[in-house]
Amino acid sequence: MICPYCGEDDDKVIDSRASEGGLVIRRRRECLACSKRYTTYERVEKSARLMVVKKDGSRVAFESENILHGVQAACGKRPVPEEDKLSLVRAIEEELYREFDREVPSEEIGLRVIARLRELDPIAYIRYASEYYDFRTLDDFADELSDLQNRARNLPNQRNLFPDEKG
């Protein structure tokens, strides 16, 4: 590895750690020429590209950035930290590469995003679900909101998202 400080190609690895489920390796290095330390990151290359099978039967290469764009759009101006969004995308990407060999249906990706958004932020979940499920009427929204509200009531220590008119 070429030292970013002195340009020499003589270093030693001080520490290596896997992160993001083993897909990224973080290495702390020390240059033997100038004794300065720096960090490098190595991303494990996936041998076979995962293909997404769209609803119309077409196939496109899997790109985690597409999931991130959808999640960011759903979160909009919600108070959801960017790191939480990135973590959601990384978790889904790791699951897909672990569970599918070559192809994954787009519906499967959407369902995983929905499940994680439901836990992360209920408003972002509704926004994403309205596109994913292609809501056409207010009744579609009402049904989904009712389902979401019922789920929240069944969780211990969960505050009510839609307080009763009396409360």
N, C-alpha and C. Protein backbone atom coordinates (compact mmCIF):
# COMPACT_ATOMS: atom_id res chain seq x y z
N MET A 1 0.85 -1.17 0.00
CA MET A 1 0.00 0.00 0.00
C MET A 1 0.90 1.23 0.00
N ILE A 2 0.60 2.18 -0.82
CA ILE A 2 1.39 3.40 -0.91
C ILE A 2 0.96 4.37 0.18
N CYS A 3 1.93 4.85 0.94
CA CYS A 3 1.66 5.77 2.04
C CYS A 3 1.13 7.10 1.48
N PRO A 4 0.01 7.58 2.03
CA PRO A 4 -0.54 8.84 1.55
C PRO A 4 0.28 10.06 1.98
N TYR A 5 1.20 9.87 2.92
CA TYR A 5 2.01 10.98 3.43
C TYR A 5 3.35 11.12 2.70
N CYS A 6 4.07 9.99 2.54
CA CYS A 6 5.40 10.09 1.94
C CYS A 6 5.52 9.39 0.59
N GLY A 7 4.52 8.60 0.21
CA GLY A 7 4.53 7.95 -1.09
C GLY A 7 5.31 6.65 -1.16
N GLU A 8 5.88 6.22 -0.05
CA GLU A 8 6.63 4.97 -0.03
C GLU A 8 5.66 3.78 -0.04
N ASP A 9 6.13 2.67 -0.55
CA ASP A 9 5.32 1.45 -0.63
C ASP A 9 5.87 0.42 0.35
N ASP A 10 5.93 0.81 1.62
CA ASP A 10 6.49 -0.07 2.64
C ASP A 10 5.75 0.19 3.94
N ASP A 11 4.80 -0.68 4.26
CA ASP A 11 4.03 -0.50 5.48
C ASP A 11 3.79 -1.82 6.16
N LYS A 12 3.21 -1.72 7.36
CA LYS A 12 2.77 -2.93 8.06
C LYS A 12 1.36 -2.71 8.56
N VAL A 13 0.61 -3.79 8.62
CA VAL A 13 -0.77 -3.73 9.11
C VAL A 13 -0.73 -3.88 10.62
N ILE A 14 -1.33 -2.93 11.31
CA ILE A 14 -1.37 -2.94 12.76
C ILE A 14 -2.63 -3.64 13.27
N ASP A 15 -3.74 -3.41 12.57
CA ASP A 15 -5.02 -3.94 13.01
C ASP A 15 -5.93 -4.15 11.81
N SER A 16 -6.67 -5.25 11.80
CA SER A 16 -7.66 -5.53 10.76
C SER A 16 -8.98 -5.89 11.42
N ARG A 17 -10.05 -5.31 10.90
CA ARG A 17 -11.39 -5.62 11.44
C ARG A 17 -12.38 -5.71 10.30
N ALA A 18 -13.21 -6.72 10.39
CA ALA A 18 -14.30 -6.86 9.42
C ALA A 18 -15.49 -6.05 9.93
N SER A 19 -16.17 -5.41 9.02
CA SER A 19 -17.39 -4.69 9.38
C SER A 19 -18.42 -4.92 8.29
N GLU A 20 -19.63 -4.43 8.53
CA GLU A 20 -20.73 -4.59 7.57
C GLU A 20 -20.92 -6.06 7.20
N GLY A 21 -20.90 -6.92 8.18
CA GLY A 21 -21.13 -8.33 7.93
C GLY A 21 -20.00 -9.00 7.18
N GLY A 22 -18.80 -8.47 7.29
CA GLY A 22 -17.66 -9.07 6.62
C GLY A 22 -17.45 -8.60 5.21
N LEU A 23 -18.28 -7.70 4.71
CA LEU A 23 -18.15 -7.21 3.34
C LEU A 23 -17.09 -6.12 3.21
N VAL A 24 -16.75 -5.48 4.33
CA VAL A 24 -15.74 -4.42 4.32
C VAL A 24 -14.71 -4.75 5.38
N ILE A 25 -13.44 -4.60 5.02
CA ILE A 25 -12.35 -4.84 5.97
C ILE A 25 -11.64 -3.52 6.21
N ARG A 26 -11.54 -3.15 7.47
CA ARG A 26 -10.86 -1.92 7.87
C ARG A 26 -9.48 -2.31 8.36
N ARG A 27 -8.44 -1.67 7.82
CA ARG A 27 -7.08 -1.97 8.23
C ARG A 27 -6.39 -0.69 8.69
N ARG A 28 -5.76 -0.76 9.87
CA ARG A 28 -4.90 0.32 10.36
C ARG A 28 -3.49 -0.04 9.92
N ARG A 29 -2.82 0.89 9.28
CA ARG A 29 -1.47 0.64 8.75
C ARG A 29 -0.49 1.67 9.29
N GLU A 30 0.78 1.26 9.33
CA GLU A 30 1.85 2.17 9.71
C GLU A 30 2.92 2.13 8.63
N CYS A 31 3.29 3.30 8.13
CA CYS A 31 4.33 3.39 7.12
C CYS A 31 5.68 3.16 7.80
N LEU A 32 6.46 2.25 7.26
CA LEU A 32 7.77 1.95 7.84
C LEU A 32 8.80 3.02 7.49
N ALA A 33 8.50 3.84 6.49
CA ALA A 33 9.44 4.89 6.08
C ALA A 33 9.27 6.15 6.93
N CYS A 34 8.02 6.62 7.11
CA CYS A 34 7.81 7.89 7.83
C CYS A 34 7.13 7.70 9.19
N SER A 35 6.73 6.48 9.53
CA SER A 35 6.12 6.12 10.81
C SER A 35 4.71 6.71 11.02
N LYS A 36 4.10 7.27 10.00
CA LYS A 36 2.73 7.79 10.14
C LYS A 36 1.74 6.64 9.96
N ARG A 37 0.60 6.81 10.60
CA ARG A 37 -0.45 5.79 10.53
C ARG A 37 -1.62 6.28 9.70
N TYR A 38 -2.29 5.34 9.03
CA TYR A 38 -3.46 5.66 8.23
C TYR A 38 -4.36 4.43 8.16
N THR A 39 -5.59 4.66 7.75
CA THR A 39 -6.60 3.60 7.68
C THR A 39 -6.98 3.36 6.23
N THR A 40 -7.12 2.08 5.88
CA THR A 40 -7.63 1.73 4.56
C THR A 40 -8.86 0.86 4.73
N TYR A 41 -9.72 0.88 3.73
CA TYR A 41 -10.92 0.07 3.72
C TYR A 41 -10.92 -0.78 2.46
N GLU A 42 -11.21 -2.04 2.63
CA GLU A 42 -11.28 -2.95 1.48
C GLU A 42 -12.68 -3.52 1.42
N ARG A 43 -13.30 -3.44 0.27
CA ARG A 43 -14.62 -4.01 0.07
C ARG A 43 -14.46 -5.34 -0.65
N VAL A 44 -15.06 -6.39 -0.10
CA VAL A 44 -14.99 -7.71 -0.69
C VAL A 44 -15.81 -7.70 -1.98
N GLU A 45 -15.19 -8.09 -3.06
CA GLU A 45 -15.87 -8.13 -4.34
C GLU A 45 -16.71 -9.39 -4.42
N LYS A 46 -17.92 -9.21 -4.82
CA LYS A 46 -18.81 -10.36 -4.95
C LYS A 46 -18.53 -11.03 -6.29
N SER A 47 -18.34 -12.32 -6.25
CA SER A 47 -17.95 -13.03 -7.47
C SER A 47 -19.04 -13.01 -8.54
N ALA A 48 -20.25 -13.20 -8.14
CA ALA A 48 -21.34 -13.20 -9.12
C ALA A 48 -22.29 -12.05 -8.81
N ARG A 49 -22.62 -11.29 -9.81
CA ARG A 49 -23.56 -10.20 -9.61
C ARG A 49 -24.95 -10.76 -9.39
N LEU A 50 -25.64 -10.17 -8.49
CA LEU A 50 -27.02 -10.54 -8.22
C LEU A 50 -27.90 -9.78 -9.19
N MET A 51 -28.81 -10.48 -9.83
CA MET A 51 -29.73 -9.86 -10.78
C MET A 51 -31.11 -9.74 -10.13
N VAL A 52 -31.75 -8.61 -10.39
CA VAL A 52 -33.10 -8.37 -9.89
C VAL A 52 -34.08 -8.68 -11.01
N VAL A 53 -35.05 -9.54 -10.71
CA VAL A 53 -36.09 -9.88 -11.69
C VAL A 53 -37.27 -8.95 -11.42
N LYS A 54 -37.51 -8.07 -12.38
CA LYS A 54 -38.59 -7.08 -12.25
C LYS A 54 -39.95 -7.74 -12.49
N LYS A 55 -41.02 -7.01 -12.19
CA LYS A 55 -42.38 -7.52 -12.36
C LYS A 55 -42.68 -7.89 -13.81
N ASP A 56 -42.07 -7.16 -14.75
CA ASP A 56 -42.32 -7.45 -16.17
C ASP A 56 -41.43 -8.56 -16.71
N GLY A 57 -40.62 -9.18 -15.84
CA GLY A 57 -39.75 -10.28 -16.25
C GLY A 57 -38.36 -9.86 -16.68
N SER A 58 -38.14 -8.56 -16.84
CA SER A 58 -36.80 -8.09 -17.21
C SER A 58 -35.84 -8.25 -16.04
N ARG A 59 -34.56 -8.27 -16.36
CA ARG A 59 -33.54 -8.45 -15.35
C ARG A 59 -32.54 -7.31 -15.41
N VAL A 60 -32.20 -6.78 -14.22
CA VAL A 60 -31.20 -5.73 -14.12
C VAL A 60 -30.26 -6.08 -12.97
N ALA A 61 -29.06 -5.56 -13.03
CA ALA A 61 -28.08 -5.81 -11.97
C ALA A 61 -28.56 -5.16 -10.68
N PHE A 62 -28.34 -5.86 -9.58
CA PHE A 62 -28.70 -5.33 -8.27
C PHE A 62 -27.78 -4.16 -7.93
N GLU A 63 -28.38 -3.07 -7.49
CA GLU A 63 -27.63 -1.89 -7.05
C GLU A 63 -28.23 -1.43 -5.73
N SER A 64 -27.47 -1.50 -4.67
CA SER A 64 -27.98 -1.10 -3.36
C SER A 64 -28.36 0.38 -3.33
N GLU A 65 -27.76 1.18 -4.22
CA GLU A 65 -28.08 2.61 -4.28
C GLU A 65 -29.56 2.82 -4.62
N ASN A 66 -30.14 1.90 -5.40
CA ASN A 66 -31.56 2.03 -5.74
C ASN A 66 -32.43 1.91 -4.49
N ILE A 67 -32.05 1.00 -3.60
CA ILE A 67 -32.79 0.86 -2.34
C ILE A 67 -32.63 2.13 -1.53
N LEU A 68 -31.40 2.63 -1.45
CA LEU A 68 -31.14 3.84 -0.67
C LEU A 68 -31.95 5.02 -1.18
N HIS A 69 -32.05 5.18 -2.49
CA HIS A 69 -32.83 6.29 -3.05
C HIS A 69 -34.30 6.17 -2.65
N GLY A 70 -34.84 4.96 -2.69
CA GLY A 70 -36.22 4.75 -2.28
C GLY A 70 -36.44 5.03 -0.80
N VAL A 71 -35.50 4.60 0.02
CA VAL A 71 -35.59 4.83 1.46
C VAL A 71 -35.47 6.33 1.76
N GLN A 72 -34.54 7.00 1.10
CA GLN A 72 -34.38 8.44 1.32
C GLN A 72 -35.63 9.21 0.88
N ALA A 73 -36.24 8.80 -0.21
CA ALA A 73 -37.46 9.46 -0.66
C ALA A 73 -38.59 9.23 0.34
N ALA A 74 -38.69 8.03 0.86
CA ALA A 74 -39.75 7.72 1.83
C ALA A 74 -39.53 8.49 3.13
N CYS A 75 -38.29 8.63 3.54
CA CYS A 75 -38.00 9.33 4.78
C CYS A 75 -38.16 10.84 4.63
N GLY A 76 -37.95 11.34 3.40
CA GLY A 76 -38.16 12.76 3.15
C GLY A 76 -37.51 13.62 4.20
N LYS A 77 -38.29 14.45 4.84
CA LYS A 77 -37.77 15.35 5.88
C LYS A 77 -38.00 14.79 7.28
N ARG A 78 -38.19 13.51 7.38
CA ARG A 78 -38.38 12.85 8.67
C ARG A 78 -37.07 12.88 9.46
N PRO A 79 -37.15 12.84 10.79
CA PRO A 79 -35.94 12.87 11.61
C PRO A 79 -35.29 11.48 11.71
N VAL A 80 -34.92 10.93 10.57
CA VAL A 80 -34.27 9.61 10.53
C VAL A 80 -32.81 9.85 10.17
N PRO A 81 -31.90 9.47 11.07
CA PRO A 81 -30.47 9.67 10.79
C PRO A 81 -30.03 8.94 9.53
N GLU A 82 -29.14 9.58 8.79
CA GLU A 82 -28.63 8.98 7.55
C GLU A 82 -27.98 7.63 7.83
N GLU A 83 -27.31 7.51 8.96
CA GLU A 83 -26.65 6.24 9.30
C GLU A 83 -27.68 5.11 9.45
N ASP A 84 -28.87 5.43 9.96
CA ASP A 84 -29.92 4.41 10.07
C ASP A 84 -30.40 3.96 8.69
N LYS A 85 -30.49 4.91 7.77
CA LYS A 85 -30.89 4.58 6.40
C LYS A 85 -29.84 3.68 5.75
N LEU A 86 -28.58 4.06 5.90
CA LEU A 86 -27.49 3.27 5.32
C LEU A 86 -27.41 1.89 5.95
N SER A 87 -27.63 1.83 7.24
CA SER A 87 -27.62 0.54 7.95
C SER A 87 -28.73 -0.37 7.43
N LEU A 88 -29.90 0.20 7.21
CA LEU A 88 -31.04 -0.56 6.66
C LEU A 88 -30.66 -1.14 5.30
N VAL A 89 -30.07 -0.33 4.45
CA VAL A 89 -29.69 -0.77 3.10
C VAL A 89 -28.62 -1.86 3.18
N ARG A 90 -27.62 -1.66 4.03
CA ARG A 90 -26.55 -2.67 4.16
C ARG A 90 -27.10 -4.00 4.64
N ALA A 91 -28.01 -3.94 5.61
CA ALA A 91 -28.59 -5.18 6.15
C ALA A 91 -29.36 -5.94 5.07
N ILE A 92 -30.13 -5.22 4.29
CA ILE A 92 -30.89 -5.87 3.21
C ILE A 92 -29.94 -6.45 2.16
N GLU A 93 -28.92 -5.68 1.80
CA GLU A 93 -27.94 -6.16 0.81
C GLU A 93 -27.27 -7.45 1.29
N GLU A 94 -26.84 -7.47 2.55
CA GLU A 94 -26.20 -8.67 3.09
C GLU A 94 -27.15 -9.86 3.07
N GLU A 95 -28.40 -9.65 3.46
CA GLU A 95 -29.40 -10.73 3.43
C GLU A 95 -29.57 -11.28 2.02
N LEU A 96 -29.69 -10.39 1.06
CA LEU A 96 -29.94 -10.83 -0.32
C LEU A 96 -28.77 -11.65 -0.85
N TYR A 97 -27.54 -11.19 -0.61
CA TYR A 97 -26.38 -11.94 -1.10
C TYR A 97 -26.23 -13.27 -0.37
N ARG A 98 -26.68 -13.31 0.89
CA ARG A 98 -26.58 -14.54 1.66
C ARG A 98 -27.66 -15.55 1.24
N GLU A 99 -28.84 -15.06 0.90
CA GLU A 99 -29.97 -15.96 0.66
C GLU A 99 -30.24 -16.27 -0.82
N PHE A 100 -29.72 -15.46 -1.73
CA PHE A 100 -29.99 -15.69 -3.15
C PHE A 100 -28.68 -15.85 -3.91
N ASP A 101 -28.67 -16.82 -4.83
CA ASP A 101 -27.45 -17.09 -5.58
C ASP A 101 -27.26 -16.14 -6.75
N ARG A 102 -28.23 -16.09 -7.63
CA ARG A 102 -28.06 -15.30 -8.85
C ARG A 102 -29.16 -14.27 -9.08
N GLU A 103 -30.39 -14.64 -8.74
CA GLU A 103 -31.53 -13.76 -9.02
C GLU A 103 -32.40 -13.59 -7.78
N VAL A 104 -32.94 -12.39 -7.67
CA VAL A 104 -33.87 -12.09 -6.58
C VAL A 104 -35.05 -11.32 -7.18
N PRO A 105 -36.27 -11.72 -6.84
CA PRO A 105 -37.44 -10.98 -7.34
C PRO A 105 -37.50 -9.58 -6.72
N SER A 106 -37.87 -8.59 -7.49
CA SER A 106 -37.96 -7.22 -6.98
C SER A 106 -38.97 -7.13 -5.83
N GLU A 107 -40.00 -7.97 -5.87
CA GLU A 107 -41.00 -7.98 -4.80
C GLU A 107 -40.36 -8.33 -3.46
N GLU A 108 -39.39 -9.24 -3.49
CA GLU A 108 -38.71 -9.66 -2.26
C GLU A 108 -37.93 -8.50 -1.66
N ILE A 109 -37.30 -7.72 -2.50
CA ILE A 109 -36.55 -6.55 -2.02
C ILE A 109 -37.52 -5.55 -1.40
N GLY A 110 -38.62 -5.29 -2.09
CA GLY A 110 -39.61 -4.35 -1.58
C GLY A 110 -40.18 -4.77 -0.24
N LEU A 111 -40.47 -6.05 -0.07
CA LEU A 111 -41.02 -6.54 1.19
C LEU A 111 -40.02 -6.38 2.33
N ARG A 112 -38.76 -6.57 2.04
CA ARG A 112 -37.73 -6.41 3.08
C ARG A 112 -37.57 -4.94 3.46
N VAL A 113 -37.65 -4.06 2.48
CA VAL A 113 -37.56 -2.63 2.78
C VAL A 113 -38.75 -2.22 3.63
N ILE A 114 -39.93 -2.67 3.25
CA ILE A 114 -41.15 -2.34 4.00
C ILE A 114 -41.05 -2.82 5.44
N ALA A 115 -40.61 -4.04 5.64
CA ALA A 115 -40.53 -4.59 6.99
C ALA A 115 -39.58 -3.78 7.86
N ARG A 116 -38.46 -3.36 7.29
CA ARG A 116 -37.49 -2.59 8.08
C ARG A 116 -37.94 -1.14 8.29
N LEU A 117 -38.58 -0.55 7.29
CA LEU A 117 -39.08 0.82 7.46
C LEU A 117 -40.19 0.88 8.49
N ARG A 118 -40.99 -0.17 8.57
CA ARG A 118 -42.08 -0.22 9.56
C ARG A 118 -41.51 -0.06 10.96
N GLU A 119 -40.34 -0.67 11.20
CA GLU A 119 -39.70 -0.58 12.51
C GLU A 119 -38.96 0.74 12.70
N LEU A 120 -38.42 1.28 11.61
CA LEU A 120 -37.60 2.48 11.68
C LEU A 120 -38.41 3.76 11.86
N ASP A 121 -39.43 3.93 11.03
CA ASP A 121 -40.23 5.16 11.07
C ASP A 121 -41.59 4.89 10.42
N PRO A 122 -42.66 4.99 11.19
CA PRO A 122 -43.99 4.65 10.64
C PRO A 122 -44.43 5.54 9.48
N ILE A 123 -44.06 6.80 9.50
CA ILE A 123 -44.46 7.70 8.41
C ILE A 123 -43.71 7.34 7.13
N ALA A 124 -42.41 7.08 7.25
CA ALA A 124 -41.63 6.66 6.09
C ALA A 124 -42.16 5.34 5.56
N TYR A 125 -42.57 4.47 6.47
CA TYR A 125 -43.16 3.19 6.06
C TYR A 125 -44.42 3.42 5.22
N ILE A 126 -45.32 4.28 5.70
CA ILE A 126 -46.56 4.54 4.96
C ILE A 126 -46.26 5.14 3.60
N ARG A 127 -45.31 6.05 3.55
CA ARG A 127 -44.94 6.66 2.26
C ARG A 127 -44.44 5.60 1.29
N TYR A 128 -43.55 4.73 1.77
CA TYR A 128 -42.99 3.70 0.90
C TYR A 128 -44.08 2.70 0.51
N ALA A 129 -44.88 2.29 1.49
CA ALA A 129 -45.94 1.30 1.24
C ALA A 129 -46.95 1.82 0.23
N SER A 130 -47.23 3.13 0.27
CA SER A 130 -48.22 3.68 -0.67
C SER A 130 -47.74 3.52 -2.11
N GLU A 131 -46.46 3.63 -2.34
CA GLU A 131 -45.90 3.42 -3.68
C GLU A 131 -45.80 1.92 -3.99
N TYR A 132 -45.28 1.17 -3.02
CA TYR A 132 -45.04 -0.25 -3.25
C TYR A 132 -46.35 -1.00 -3.50
N TYR A 133 -47.34 -0.73 -2.66
CA TYR A 133 -48.63 -1.41 -2.80
C TYR A 133 -49.56 -0.70 -3.79
N ASP A 134 -49.11 0.43 -4.31
CA ASP A 134 -49.85 1.18 -5.31
C ASP A 134 -51.25 1.55 -4.80
N PHE A 135 -51.28 2.24 -3.65
CA PHE A 135 -52.55 2.69 -3.10
C PHE A 135 -53.27 3.56 -4.12
N ARG A 136 -54.56 3.31 -4.30
CA ARG A 136 -55.36 4.06 -5.26
C ARG A 136 -56.42 4.94 -4.60
N THR A 137 -56.80 4.57 -3.39
CA THR A 137 -57.88 5.31 -2.72
C THR A 137 -57.48 5.64 -1.29
N LEU A 138 -58.27 6.53 -0.69
CA LEU A 138 -58.05 6.85 0.72
C LEU A 138 -58.31 5.63 1.60
N ASP A 139 -59.22 4.76 1.16
CA ASP A 139 -59.49 3.55 1.92
C ASP A 139 -58.25 2.66 2.00
N ASP A 140 -57.45 2.63 0.93
CA ASP A 140 -56.21 1.86 0.96
C ASP A 140 -55.28 2.38 2.05
N PHE A 141 -55.17 3.71 2.13
CA PHE A 141 -54.35 4.33 3.18
C PHE A 141 -54.93 4.02 4.56
N ALA A 142 -56.24 4.18 4.69
CA ALA A 142 -56.90 3.96 5.98
C ALA A 142 -56.70 2.54 6.47
N ASP A 143 -56.82 1.58 5.56
CA ASP A 143 -56.62 0.18 5.95
C ASP A 143 -55.19 -0.06 6.44
N GLU A 144 -54.24 0.49 5.74
CA GLU A 144 -52.84 0.30 6.12
C GLU A 144 -52.54 1.02 7.44
N LEU A 145 -53.08 2.21 7.62
CA LEU A 145 -52.89 2.94 8.87
C LEU A 145 -53.51 2.18 10.04
N SER A 146 -54.69 1.62 9.81
CA SER A 146 -55.36 0.84 10.85
C SER A 146 -54.52 -0.37 11.23
N ASP A 147 -53.98 -1.05 10.23
CA ASP A 147 -53.12 -2.20 10.50
C ASP A 147 -51.87 -1.79 11.28
N LEU A 148 -51.28 -0.67 10.89
CA LEU A 148 -50.09 -0.17 11.57
C LEU A 148 -50.41 0.20 13.01
N GLN A 149 -51.53 0.83 13.22
CA GLN A 149 -51.95 1.22 14.56
C GLN A 149 -52.19 -0.02 15.43
N ASN A 150 -52.83 -1.04 14.87
CA ASN A 150 -53.08 -2.27 15.63
C ASN A 150 -51.78 -2.97 15.99
N ARG A 151 -50.81 -2.95 15.10
CA ARG A 151 -49.50 -3.54 15.41
C ARG A 151 -48.85 -2.81 16.58
N ALA A 152 -48.94 -1.47 16.57
CA ALA A 152 -48.32 -0.67 17.63
C ALA A 152 -48.97 -0.96 18.98
N ARG A 153 -50.27 -1.18 18.99
CA ARG A 153 -50.96 -1.48 20.25
C ARG A 153 -50.52 -2.82 20.83
N ASN A 154 -50.11 -3.73 19.98
CA ASN A 154 -49.73 -5.06 20.43
C ASN A 154 -48.27 -5.14 20.86
N LEU A 155 -47.52 -4.04 20.73
CA LEU A 155 -46.13 -4.02 21.14
C LEU A 155 -46.00 -3.43 22.53
N PRO A 156 -45.25 -4.09 23.42
CA PRO A 156 -45.06 -3.52 24.76
C PRO A 156 -44.22 -2.25 24.66
N ASN A 157 -44.52 -1.29 25.53
CA ASN A 157 -43.76 -0.04 25.62
C ASN A 157 -43.75 0.76 24.32
N GLN A 158 -44.77 0.61 23.50
CA GLN A 158 -44.87 1.35 22.24
C GLN A 158 -45.86 2.48 22.43
N ARG A 159 -45.46 3.70 22.14
CA ARG A 159 -46.39 4.82 22.29
C ARG A 159 -47.40 4.78 21.14
N ASN A 160 -48.55 5.33 21.38
CA ASN A 160 -49.62 5.34 20.40
C ASN A 160 -49.33 6.41 19.35
N LEU A 161 -49.29 6.01 18.09
CA LEU A 161 -49.02 6.95 17.01
C LEU A 161 -50.22 7.83 16.71
N PHE A 162 -51.40 7.29 16.93
CA PHE A 162 -52.64 8.00 16.63
C PHE A 162 -53.49 8.02 17.87
N PRO A 163 -53.27 9.01 18.73
CA PRO A 163 -54.02 9.03 20.01
C PRO A 163 -55.52 9.12 19.79
N ASP A 164 -56.24 8.50 20.69
CA ASP A 164 -57.70 8.57 20.64
C ASP A 164 -58.13 10.02 20.81
N GLU A 165 -59.30 10.34 20.26
CA GLU A 165 -59.81 11.72 20.37
C GLU A 165 -60.02 12.11 21.81
N LYS A 166 -60.33 11.15 22.67
CA LYS A 166 -60.55 11.45 24.09
C LYS A 166 -59.25 11.77 24.79
N GLY A 167 -58.13 11.13 24.35
CA GLY A 167 -56.87 11.26 25.09
C GLY A 167 -56.06 12.34 24.57
